[in-house]
Amino acid sequence: MINLDTLIAETRNEFKICYKCKGVNVSTIASKIAQLDPNAVIRQLACVSYCGPGRDFPFVIFNNKPIVGTDEDDLIAKIGDILKGSDQ
């Protein structure tokens, strides 16, 4: 039988980052996310089907929801706010 408390405790946040989008600097965003959430799963993918905003703005797909910032610092601040609210 699966212990639900153990499953929830082992659940990690997942970030998907497109390395083809021009608005995204994968290396700096990935390292900043790793500092915010050391247990996160960070996937660098060729496409996450978010090409429109990805041309002009940095973004990540966080647990299957897109988060877009006006610049990289704004994006990281939004991620930090979400992580604080989720009480990982």
PDB file of N, CA and C in Angstrom:
ATOM      1  N   MET A   1       0.839  -1.176   0.000  1.00  0.00           N
ATOM      2  CA  MET A   1       0.000   0.000   0.000  1.00  0.00           C
ATOM      3  C   MET A   1       0.892   1.250   0.000  1.00  0.00           C
ATOM      4  N   ILE A   2       0.493   2.247  -0.751  1.00  0.00           N
ATOM      5  CA  ILE A   2       1.267   3.487  -0.853  1.00  0.00           C
ATOM      6  C   ILE A   2       0.938   4.387   0.328  1.00  0.00           C
ATOM      7  N   ASN A   3       1.977   4.882   0.973  1.00  0.00           N
ATOM      8  CA  ASN A   3       1.812   5.827   2.076  1.00  0.00           C
ATOM      9  C   ASN A   3       1.740   7.224   1.476  1.00  0.00           C
ATOM     10  N   LEU A   4       0.586   7.865   1.574  1.00  0.00           N
ATOM     11  CA  LEU A   4       0.362   9.170   0.963  1.00  0.00           C
ATOM     12  C   LEU A   4       1.291  10.234   1.543  1.00  0.00           C
ATOM     13  N   ASP A   5       1.549  10.203   2.835  1.00  0.00           N
ATOM     14  CA  ASP A   5       2.444  11.187   3.449  1.00  0.00           C
ATOM     15  C   ASP A   5       3.856  11.081   2.875  1.00  0.00           C
ATOM     16  N   THR A   6       4.328   9.858   2.656  1.00  0.00           N
ATOM     17  CA  THR A   6       5.650   9.664   2.068  1.00  0.00           C
ATOM     18  C   THR A   6       5.676  10.153   0.630  1.00  0.00           C
ATOM     19  N   LEU A   7       4.631   9.858  -0.114  1.00  0.00           N
ATOM     20  CA  LEU A   7       4.556  10.294  -1.504  1.00  0.00           C
ATOM     21  C   LEU A   7       4.579  11.811  -1.607  1.00  0.00           C
ATOM     22  N   ILE A   8       3.822  12.482  -0.772  1.00  0.00           N
ATOM     23  CA  ILE A   8       3.792  13.946  -0.788  1.00  0.00           C
ATOM     24  C   ILE A   8       5.149  14.505  -0.390  1.00  0.00           C
ATOM     25  N   ALA A   9       5.791  13.930   0.602  1.00  0.00           N
ATOM     26  CA  ALA A   9       7.094  14.411   1.056  1.00  0.00           C
ATOM     27  C   ALA A   9       8.154  14.246  -0.024  1.00  0.00           C
ATOM     28  N   GLU A  10       8.017  13.223  -0.866  1.00  0.00           N
ATOM     29  CA  GLU A  10       9.009  12.969  -1.901  1.00  0.00           C
ATOM     30  C   GLU A  10       8.727  13.719  -3.204  1.00  0.00           C
ATOM     31  N   THR A  11       7.582  14.375  -3.282  1.00  0.00           N
ATOM     32  CA  THR A  11       7.237  15.104  -4.495  1.00  0.00           C
ATOM     33  C   THR A  11       8.140  16.322  -4.630  1.00  0.00           C
ATOM     34  N   ARG A  12       8.711  16.466  -5.809  1.00  0.00           N
ATOM     35  CA  ARG A  12       9.611  17.591  -6.052  1.00  0.00           C
ATOM     36  C   ARG A  12       9.009  18.475  -7.139  1.00  0.00           C
ATOM     37  N   ASN A  13       9.328  19.747  -7.067  1.00  0.00           N
ATOM     38  CA  ASN A  13       8.890  20.678  -8.100  1.00  0.00           C
ATOM     39  C   ASN A  13       9.627  20.377  -9.393  1.00  0.00           C
ATOM     40  N   GLU A  14       8.932  20.583 -10.499  1.00  0.00           N
ATOM     41  CA  GLU A  14       9.539  20.358 -11.807  1.00  0.00           C
ATOM     42  C   GLU A  14       9.512  21.653 -12.616  1.00  0.00           C
ATOM     43  N   PHE A  15      10.664  21.997 -13.154  1.00  0.00           N
ATOM     44  CA  PHE A  15      10.804  23.168 -14.015  1.00  0.00           C
ATOM     45  C   PHE A  15      11.244  22.692 -15.394  1.00  0.00           C
ATOM     46  N   LYS A  16      10.549  23.157 -16.421  1.00  0.00           N
ATOM     47  CA  LYS A  16      10.954  22.867 -17.799  1.00  0.00           C
ATOM     48  C   LYS A  16      11.410  24.167 -18.427  1.00  0.00           C
ATOM     49  N   ILE A  17      12.582  24.124 -19.045  1.00  0.00           N
ATOM     50  CA  ILE A  17      13.167  25.311 -19.667  1.00  0.00           C
ATOM     51  C   ILE A  17      13.510  24.977 -21.108  1.00  0.00           C
ATOM     52  N   CYS A  18      13.059  25.834 -22.026  1.00  0.00           N
ATOM     53  CA  CYS A  18      13.350  25.627 -23.441  1.00  0.00           C
ATOM     54  C   CYS A  18      14.684  26.286 -23.781  1.00  0.00           C
ATOM     55  N   TYR A  19      15.596  25.520 -24.343  1.00  0.00           N
ATOM     56  CA  TYR A  19      16.885  26.098 -24.705  1.00  0.00           C
ATOM     57  C   TYR A  19      16.893  26.658 -26.126  1.00  0.00           C
ATOM     58  N   LYS A  20      15.762  26.591 -26.826  1.00  0.00           N
ATOM     59  CA  LYS A  20      15.701  27.167 -28.167  1.00  0.00           C
ATOM     60  C   LYS A  20      15.116  28.576 -28.174  1.00  0.00           C
ATOM     61  N   CYS A  21      14.336  28.917 -27.168  1.00  0.00           N
ATOM     62  CA  CYS A  21      13.687  30.223 -27.128  1.00  0.00           C
ATOM     63  C   CYS A  21      14.712  31.331 -26.910  1.00  0.00           C
ATOM     64  N   LYS A  22      14.559  32.411 -27.647  1.00  0.00           N
ATOM     65  CA  LYS A  22      15.514  33.508 -27.589  1.00  0.00           C
ATOM     66  C   LYS A  22      15.386  34.350 -26.324  1.00  0.00           C
ATOM     67  N   GLY A  23      14.232  34.305 -25.670  1.00  0.00           N
ATOM     68  CA  GLY A  23      14.033  35.081 -24.462  1.00  0.00           C
ATOM     69  C   GLY A  23      14.538  34.392 -23.209  1.00  0.00           C
ATOM     70  N   VAL A  24      15.115  33.211 -23.365  1.00  0.00           N
ATOM     71  CA  VAL A  24      15.510  32.396 -22.219  1.00  0.00           C
ATOM     72  C   VAL A  24      17.014  32.145 -22.226  1.00  0.00           C
ATOM     73  N   ASN A  25      17.675  32.439 -21.104  1.00  0.00           N
ATOM     74  CA  ASN A  25      19.071  32.075 -20.916  1.00  0.00           C
ATOM     75  C   ASN A  25      19.080  30.885 -19.960  1.00  0.00           C
ATOM     76  N   VAL A  26      19.157  29.708 -20.515  1.00  0.00           N
ATOM     77  CA  VAL A  26      18.990  28.481 -19.739  1.00  0.00           C
ATOM     78  C   VAL A  26      19.980  28.374 -18.592  1.00  0.00           C
ATOM     79  N   SER A  27      21.235  28.651 -18.841  1.00  0.00           N
ATOM     80  CA  SER A  27      22.250  28.434 -17.804  1.00  0.00           C
ATOM     81  C   SER A  27      22.025  29.322 -16.585  1.00  0.00           C
ATOM     82  N   THR A  28      21.724  30.595 -16.790  1.00  0.00           N
ATOM     83  CA  THR A  28      21.537  31.470 -15.629  1.00  0.00           C
ATOM     84  C   THR A  28      20.212  31.194 -14.932  1.00  0.00           C
ATOM     85  N   ILE A  29      19.162  30.938 -15.698  1.00  0.00           N
ATOM     86  CA  ILE A  29      17.867  30.657 -15.074  1.00  0.00           C
ATOM     87  C   ILE A  29      17.933  29.347 -14.296  1.00  0.00           C
ATOM     88  N   ALA A  30      18.523  28.332 -14.870  1.00  0.00           N
ATOM     89  CA  ALA A  30      18.617  27.029 -14.190  1.00  0.00           C
ATOM     90  C   ALA A  30      19.415  27.137 -12.898  1.00  0.00           C
ATOM     91  N   SER A  31      20.510  27.874 -12.914  1.00  0.00           N
ATOM     92  CA  SER A  31      21.312  27.993 -11.692  1.00  0.00           C
ATOM     93  C   SER A  31      20.577  28.783 -10.613  1.00  0.00           C
ATOM     94  N   LYS A  32      19.826  29.798 -11.008  1.00  0.00           N
ATOM     95  CA  LYS A  32      19.057  30.579 -10.018  1.00  0.00           C
ATOM     96  C   LYS A  32      17.906  29.756  -9.445  1.00  0.00           C
ATOM     97  N   ILE A  33      17.269  28.952 -10.280  1.00  0.00           N
ATOM     98  CA  ILE A  33      16.199  28.080  -9.778  1.00  0.00           C
ATOM     99  C   ILE A  33      16.781  27.060  -8.811  1.00  0.00           C
ATOM    100  N   ALA A  34      17.936  26.504  -9.139  1.00  0.00           N
ATOM    101  CA  ALA A  34      18.578  25.526  -8.264  1.00  0.00           C
ATOM    102  C   ALA A  34      18.916  26.128  -6.903  1.00  0.00           C
ATOM    103  N   GLN A  35      19.240  27.421  -6.870  1.00  0.00           N
ATOM    104  CA  GLN A  35      19.503  28.081  -5.592  1.00  0.00           C
ATOM    105  C   GLN A  35      18.214  28.249  -4.792  1.00  0.00           C
ATOM    106  N   LEU A  36      17.116  28.564  -5.495  1.00  0.00           N
ATOM    107  CA  LEU A  36      15.829  28.738  -4.814  1.00  0.00           C
ATOM    108  C   LEU A  36      15.256  27.417  -4.316  1.00  0.00           C
ATOM    109  N   ASP A  37      15.416  26.380  -5.119  1.00  0.00           N
ATOM    110  CA  ASP A  37      14.831  25.080  -4.805  1.00  0.00           C
ATOM    111  C   ASP A  37      15.832  23.974  -5.158  1.00  0.00           C
ATOM    112  N   PRO A  38      16.743  23.667  -4.240  1.00  0.00           N
ATOM    113  CA  PRO A  38      17.792  22.682  -4.523  1.00  0.00           C
ATOM    114  C   PRO A  38      17.273  21.285  -4.854  1.00  0.00           C
ATOM    115  N   ASN A  39      16.059  20.959  -4.451  1.00  0.00           N
ATOM    116  CA  ASN A  39      15.502  19.629  -4.704  1.00  0.00           C
ATOM    117  C   ASN A  39      14.690  19.558  -5.992  1.00  0.00           C
ATOM    118  N   ALA A  40      14.595  20.650  -6.707  1.00  0.00           N
ATOM    119  CA  ALA A  40      13.769  20.697  -7.911  1.00  0.00           C
ATOM    120  C   ALA A  40      14.362  19.850  -9.027  1.00  0.00           C
ATOM    121  N   VAL A  41      13.472  19.369  -9.866  1.00  0.00           N
ATOM    122  CA  VAL A  41      13.869  18.697 -11.098  1.00  0.00           C
ATOM    123  C   VAL A  41      13.838  19.768 -12.182  1.00  0.00           C
ATOM    124  N   ILE A  42      14.984  20.008 -12.820  1.00  0.00           N
ATOM    125  CA  ILE A  42      15.078  21.032 -13.861  1.00  0.00           C
ATOM    126  C   ILE A  42      15.371  20.329 -15.173  1.00  0.00           C
ATOM    127  N   ARG A  43      14.426  20.422 -16.085  1.00  0.00           N
ATOM    128  CA  ARG A  43      14.577  19.770 -17.387  1.00  0.00           C
ATOM    129  C   ARG A  43      14.831  20.829 -18.450  1.00  0.00           C
ATOM    130  N   GLN A  44      15.891  20.642 -19.199  1.00  0.00           N
ATOM    131  CA  GLN A  44      16.207  21.532 -20.315  1.00  0.00           C
ATOM    132  C   GLN A  44      15.773  20.825 -21.586  1.00  0.00           C
ATOM    133  N   LEU A  45      14.747  21.357 -22.215  1.00  0.00           N
ATOM    134  CA  LEU A  45      14.139  20.707 -23.359  1.00  0.00           C
ATOM    135  C   LEU A  45      14.293  21.555 -24.615  1.00  0.00           C
ATOM    136  N   ALA A  46      14.178  20.915 -25.770  1.00  0.00           N
ATOM    137  CA  ALA A  46      14.283  21.625 -27.043  1.00  0.00           C
ATOM    138  C   ALA A  46      13.045  22.458 -27.304  1.00  0.00           C
ATOM    139  N   CYS A  47      11.890  22.027 -26.835  1.00  0.00           N
ATOM    140  CA  CYS A  47      10.668  22.796 -27.054  1.00  0.00           C
ATOM    141  C   CYS A  47       9.650  22.427 -25.979  1.00  0.00           C
ATOM    142  N   VAL A  48       9.009  23.443 -25.448  1.00  0.00           N
ATOM    143  CA  VAL A  48       7.930  23.222 -24.490  1.00  0.00           C
ATOM    144  C   VAL A  48       6.629  23.837 -25.004  1.00  0.00           C
ATOM    145  N   SER A  49       6.587  24.119 -26.310  1.00  0.00           N
ATOM    146  CA  SER A  49       5.394  24.639 -26.990  1.00  0.00           C
ATOM    147  C   SER A  49       4.904  25.963 -26.401  1.00  0.00           C
ATOM    148  N   TYR A  50       5.834  26.861 -26.135  1.00  0.00           N
ATOM    149  CA  TYR A  50       5.497  28.186 -25.628  1.00  0.00           C
ATOM    150  C   TYR A  50       6.284  29.233 -26.417  1.00  0.00           C
ATOM    151  N   CYS A  51       6.337  29.032 -27.734  1.00  0.00           N
ATOM    152  CA  CYS A  51       7.208  29.806 -28.615  1.00  0.00           C
ATOM    153  C   CYS A  51       6.866  31.294 -28.683  1.00  0.00           C
ATOM    154  N   GLY A  52       5.591  31.638 -28.660  1.00  0.00           N
ATOM    155  CA  GLY A  52       5.198  33.052 -28.770  1.00  0.00           C
ATOM    156  C   GLY A  52       5.853  33.915 -27.708  1.00  0.00           C
ATOM    157  N   PRO A  53       5.532  33.699 -26.441  1.00  0.00           N
ATOM    158  CA  PRO A  53       6.170  34.482 -25.382  1.00  0.00           C
ATOM    159  C   PRO A  53       7.670  34.232 -25.274  1.00  0.00           C
ATOM    160  N   GLY A  54       8.103  33.027 -25.623  1.00  0.00           N
ATOM    161  CA  GLY A  54       9.515  32.664 -25.514  1.00  0.00           C
ATOM    162  C   GLY A  54      10.434  33.442 -26.429  1.00  0.00           C
ATOM    163  N   ARG A  55       9.871  34.063 -27.451  1.00  0.00           N
ATOM    164  CA  ARG A  55      10.689  34.908 -28.333  1.00  0.00           C
ATOM    165  C   ARG A  55      11.167  36.159 -27.621  1.00  0.00           C
ATOM    166  N   ASP A  56      10.336  36.685 -26.738  1.00  0.00           N
ATOM    167  CA  ASP A  56      10.608  37.999 -26.155  1.00  0.00           C
ATOM    168  C   ASP A  56      10.806  38.014 -24.643  1.00  0.00           C
ATOM    169  N   PHE A  57      10.325  36.991 -23.967  1.00  0.00           N
ATOM    170  CA  PHE A  57      10.341  37.029 -22.505  1.00  0.00           C
ATOM    171  C   PHE A  57      10.899  35.733 -21.925  1.00  0.00           C
ATOM    172  N   PRO A  58      11.601  35.842 -20.795  1.00  0.00           N
ATOM    173  CA  PRO A  58      12.050  34.627 -20.115  1.00  0.00           C
ATOM    174  C   PRO A  58      10.856  33.937 -19.462  1.00  0.00           C
ATOM    175  N   PHE A  59      10.851  32.627 -19.523  1.00  0.00           N
ATOM    176  CA  PHE A  59       9.759  31.868 -18.922  1.00  0.00           C
ATOM    177  C   PHE A  59      10.255  30.486 -18.530  1.00  0.00           C
ATOM    178  N   VAL A  60       9.491  29.853 -17.671  1.00  0.00           N
ATOM    179  CA  VAL A  60       9.678  28.446 -17.344  1.00  0.00           C
ATOM    180  C   VAL A  60       8.302  27.817 -17.247  1.00  0.00           C
ATOM    181  N   ILE A  61       8.257  26.523 -17.389  1.00  0.00           N
ATOM    182  CA  ILE A  61       7.036  25.782 -17.109  1.00  0.00           C
ATOM    183  C   ILE A  61       7.262  25.154 -15.737  1.00  0.00           C
ATOM    184  N   PHE A  62       6.491  25.608 -14.762  1.00  0.00           N
ATOM    185  CA  PHE A  62       6.647  25.179 -13.378  1.00  0.00           C
ATOM    186  C   PHE A  62       5.470  24.274 -13.021  1.00  0.00           C
ATOM    187  N   ASN A  63       5.762  23.009 -12.772  1.00  0.00           N
ATOM    188  CA  ASN A  63       4.710  22.037 -12.471  1.00  0.00           C
ATOM    189  C   ASN A  63       3.556  22.140 -13.471  1.00  0.00           C
ATOM    190  N   ASN A  64       3.926  22.209 -14.748  1.00  0.00           N
ATOM    191  CA  ASN A  64       3.008  22.253 -15.886  1.00  0.00           C
ATOM    192  C   ASN A  64       2.223  23.555 -16.036  1.00  0.00           C
ATOM    193  N   LYS A  65       2.669  24.627 -15.365  1.00  0.00           N
ATOM    194  CA  LYS A  65       2.043  25.940 -15.529  1.00  0.00           C
ATOM    195  C   LYS A  65       3.111  26.933 -15.964  1.00  0.00           C
ATOM    196  N   PRO A  66       2.850  27.702 -17.019  1.00  0.00           N
ATOM    197  CA  PRO A  66       3.858  28.672 -17.465  1.00  0.00           C
ATOM    198  C   PRO A  66       3.964  29.862 -16.516  1.00  0.00           C
ATOM    199  N   ILE A  67       5.187  30.298 -16.304  1.00  0.00           N
ATOM    200  CA  ILE A  67       5.466  31.514 -15.550  1.00  0.00           C
ATOM    201  C   ILE A  67       6.339  32.372 -16.448  1.00  0.00           C
ATOM    202  N   VAL A  68       5.901  33.608 -16.692  1.00  0.00           N
ATOM    203  CA  VAL A  68       6.607  34.512 -17.600  1.00  0.00           C
ATOM    204  C   VAL A  68       7.012  35.756 -16.824  1.00  0.00           C
ATOM    205  N   GLY A  69       8.228  36.222 -17.072  1.00  0.00           N
ATOM    206  CA  GLY A  69       8.697  37.453 -16.455  1.00  0.00           C
ATOM    207  C   GLY A  69       9.003  38.501 -17.507  1.00  0.00           C
ATOM    208  N   THR A  70       9.037  39.752 -17.095  1.00  0.00           N
ATOM    209  CA  THR A  70       9.412  40.818 -18.025  1.00  0.00           C
ATOM    210  C   THR A  70      10.898  40.767 -18.319  1.00  0.00           C
ATOM    211  N   ASP A  71      11.663  40.270 -17.348  1.00  0.00           N
ATOM    212  CA  ASP A  71      13.098  40.022 -17.519  1.00  0.00           C
ATOM    213  C   ASP A  71      13.456  38.872 -16.585  1.00  0.00           C
ATOM    214  N   GLU A  72      14.696  38.467 -16.612  1.00  0.00           N
ATOM    215  CA  GLU A  72      15.096  37.300 -15.820  1.00  0.00           C
ATOM    216  C   GLU A  72      14.913  37.513 -14.322  1.00  0.00           C
ATOM    217  N   ASP A  73      15.249  38.710 -13.829  1.00  0.00           N
ATOM    218  CA  ASP A  73      15.085  38.988 -12.400  1.00  0.00           C
ATOM    219  C   ASP A  73      13.621  38.930 -11.986  1.00  0.00           C
ATOM    220  N   ASP A  74      12.729  39.442 -12.840  1.00  0.00           N
ATOM    221  CA  ASP A  74      11.295  39.392 -12.561  1.00  0.00           C
ATOM    222  C   ASP A  74      10.812  37.947 -12.522  1.00  0.00           C
ATOM    223  N   LEU A  75      11.276  37.130 -13.465  1.00  0.00           N
ATOM    224  CA  LEU A  75      10.894  35.721 -13.494  1.00  0.00           C
ATOM    225  C   LEU A  75      11.334  35.006 -12.219  1.00  0.00           C
ATOM    226  N   ILE A  76      12.571  35.210 -11.824  1.00  0.00           N
ATOM    227  CA  ILE A  76      13.091  34.551 -10.616  1.00  0.00           C
ATOM    228  C   ILE A  76      12.332  35.026  -9.379  1.00  0.00           C
ATOM    229  N   ALA A  77      11.979  36.313  -9.327  1.00  0.00           N
ATOM    230  CA  ALA A  77      11.201  36.838  -8.203  1.00  0.00           C
ATOM    231  C   ALA A  77       9.821  36.174  -8.142  1.00  0.00           C
ATOM    232  N   LYS A  78       9.192  36.000  -9.307  1.00  0.00           N
ATOM    233  CA  LYS A  78       7.887  35.334  -9.343  1.00  0.00           C
ATOM    234  C   LYS A  78       7.998  33.889  -8.878  1.00  0.00           C
ATOM    235  N   ILE A  79       9.026  33.204  -9.318  1.00  0.00           N
ATOM    236  CA  ILE A  79       9.231  31.814  -8.891  1.00  0.00           C
ATOM    237  C   ILE A  79       9.451  31.762  -7.381  1.00  0.00           C
ATOM    238  N   GLY A  80      10.263  32.682  -6.870  1.00  0.00           N
ATOM    239  CA  GLY A  80      10.514  32.735  -5.423  1.00  0.00           C
ATOM    240  C   GLY A  80       9.233  32.954  -4.637  1.00  0.00           C
ATOM    241  N   ASP A  81       8.376  33.863  -5.131  1.00  0.00           N
ATOM    242  CA  ASP A  81       7.092  34.125  -4.464  1.00  0.00           C
ATOM    243  C   ASP A  81       6.211  32.877  -4.458  1.00  0.00           C
ATOM    244  N   ILE A  82       6.178  32.175  -5.577  1.00  0.00           N
ATOM    245  CA  ILE A  82       5.360  30.964  -5.666  1.00  0.00           C
ATOM    246  C   ILE A  82       5.898  29.896  -4.711  1.00  0.00           C
ATOM    247  N   LEU A  83       7.222  29.730  -4.678  1.00  0.00           N
ATOM    248  CA  LEU A  83       7.812  28.719  -3.800  1.00  0.00           C
ATOM    249  C   LEU A  83       7.566  29.050  -2.329  1.00  0.00           C
ATOM    250  N   LYS A  84       7.635  30.316  -1.977  1.00  0.00           N
ATOM    251  CA  LYS A  84       7.361  30.710  -0.589  1.00  0.00           C
ATOM    252  C   LYS A  84       5.924  30.416  -0.217  1.00  0.00           C
ATOM    253  N   GLY A  85       5.020  30.633  -1.164  1.00  0.00           N
ATOM    254  CA  GLY A  85       3.602  30.389  -0.917  1.00  0.00           C
ATOM    255  C   GLY A  85       3.257  28.918  -0.844  1.00  0.00           C
ATOM    256  N   SER A  86       4.080  28.069  -1.468  1.00  0.00           N
ATOM    257  CA  SER A  86       3.769  26.640  -1.491  1.00  0.00           C
ATOM    258  C   SER A  86       4.296  25.903  -0.270  1.00  0.00           C
ATOM    259  N   ASP A  87       5.120  26.585   0.545  1.00  0.00           N
ATOM    260  CA  ASP A  87       5.700  25.959   1.734  1.00  0.00           C
ATOM    261  C   ASP A  87       6.270  24.584   1.440  1.00  0.00           C
ATOM    262  N   GLN A  88       7.201  24.566   0.461  1.00  0.00           N
ATOM    263  CA  GLN A  88       7.775  23.289   0.064  1.00  0.00           C
ATOM    264  C   GLN A  88       8.216  22.582   1.259  1.00  0.00           C
TER     265      GLN A  88
END
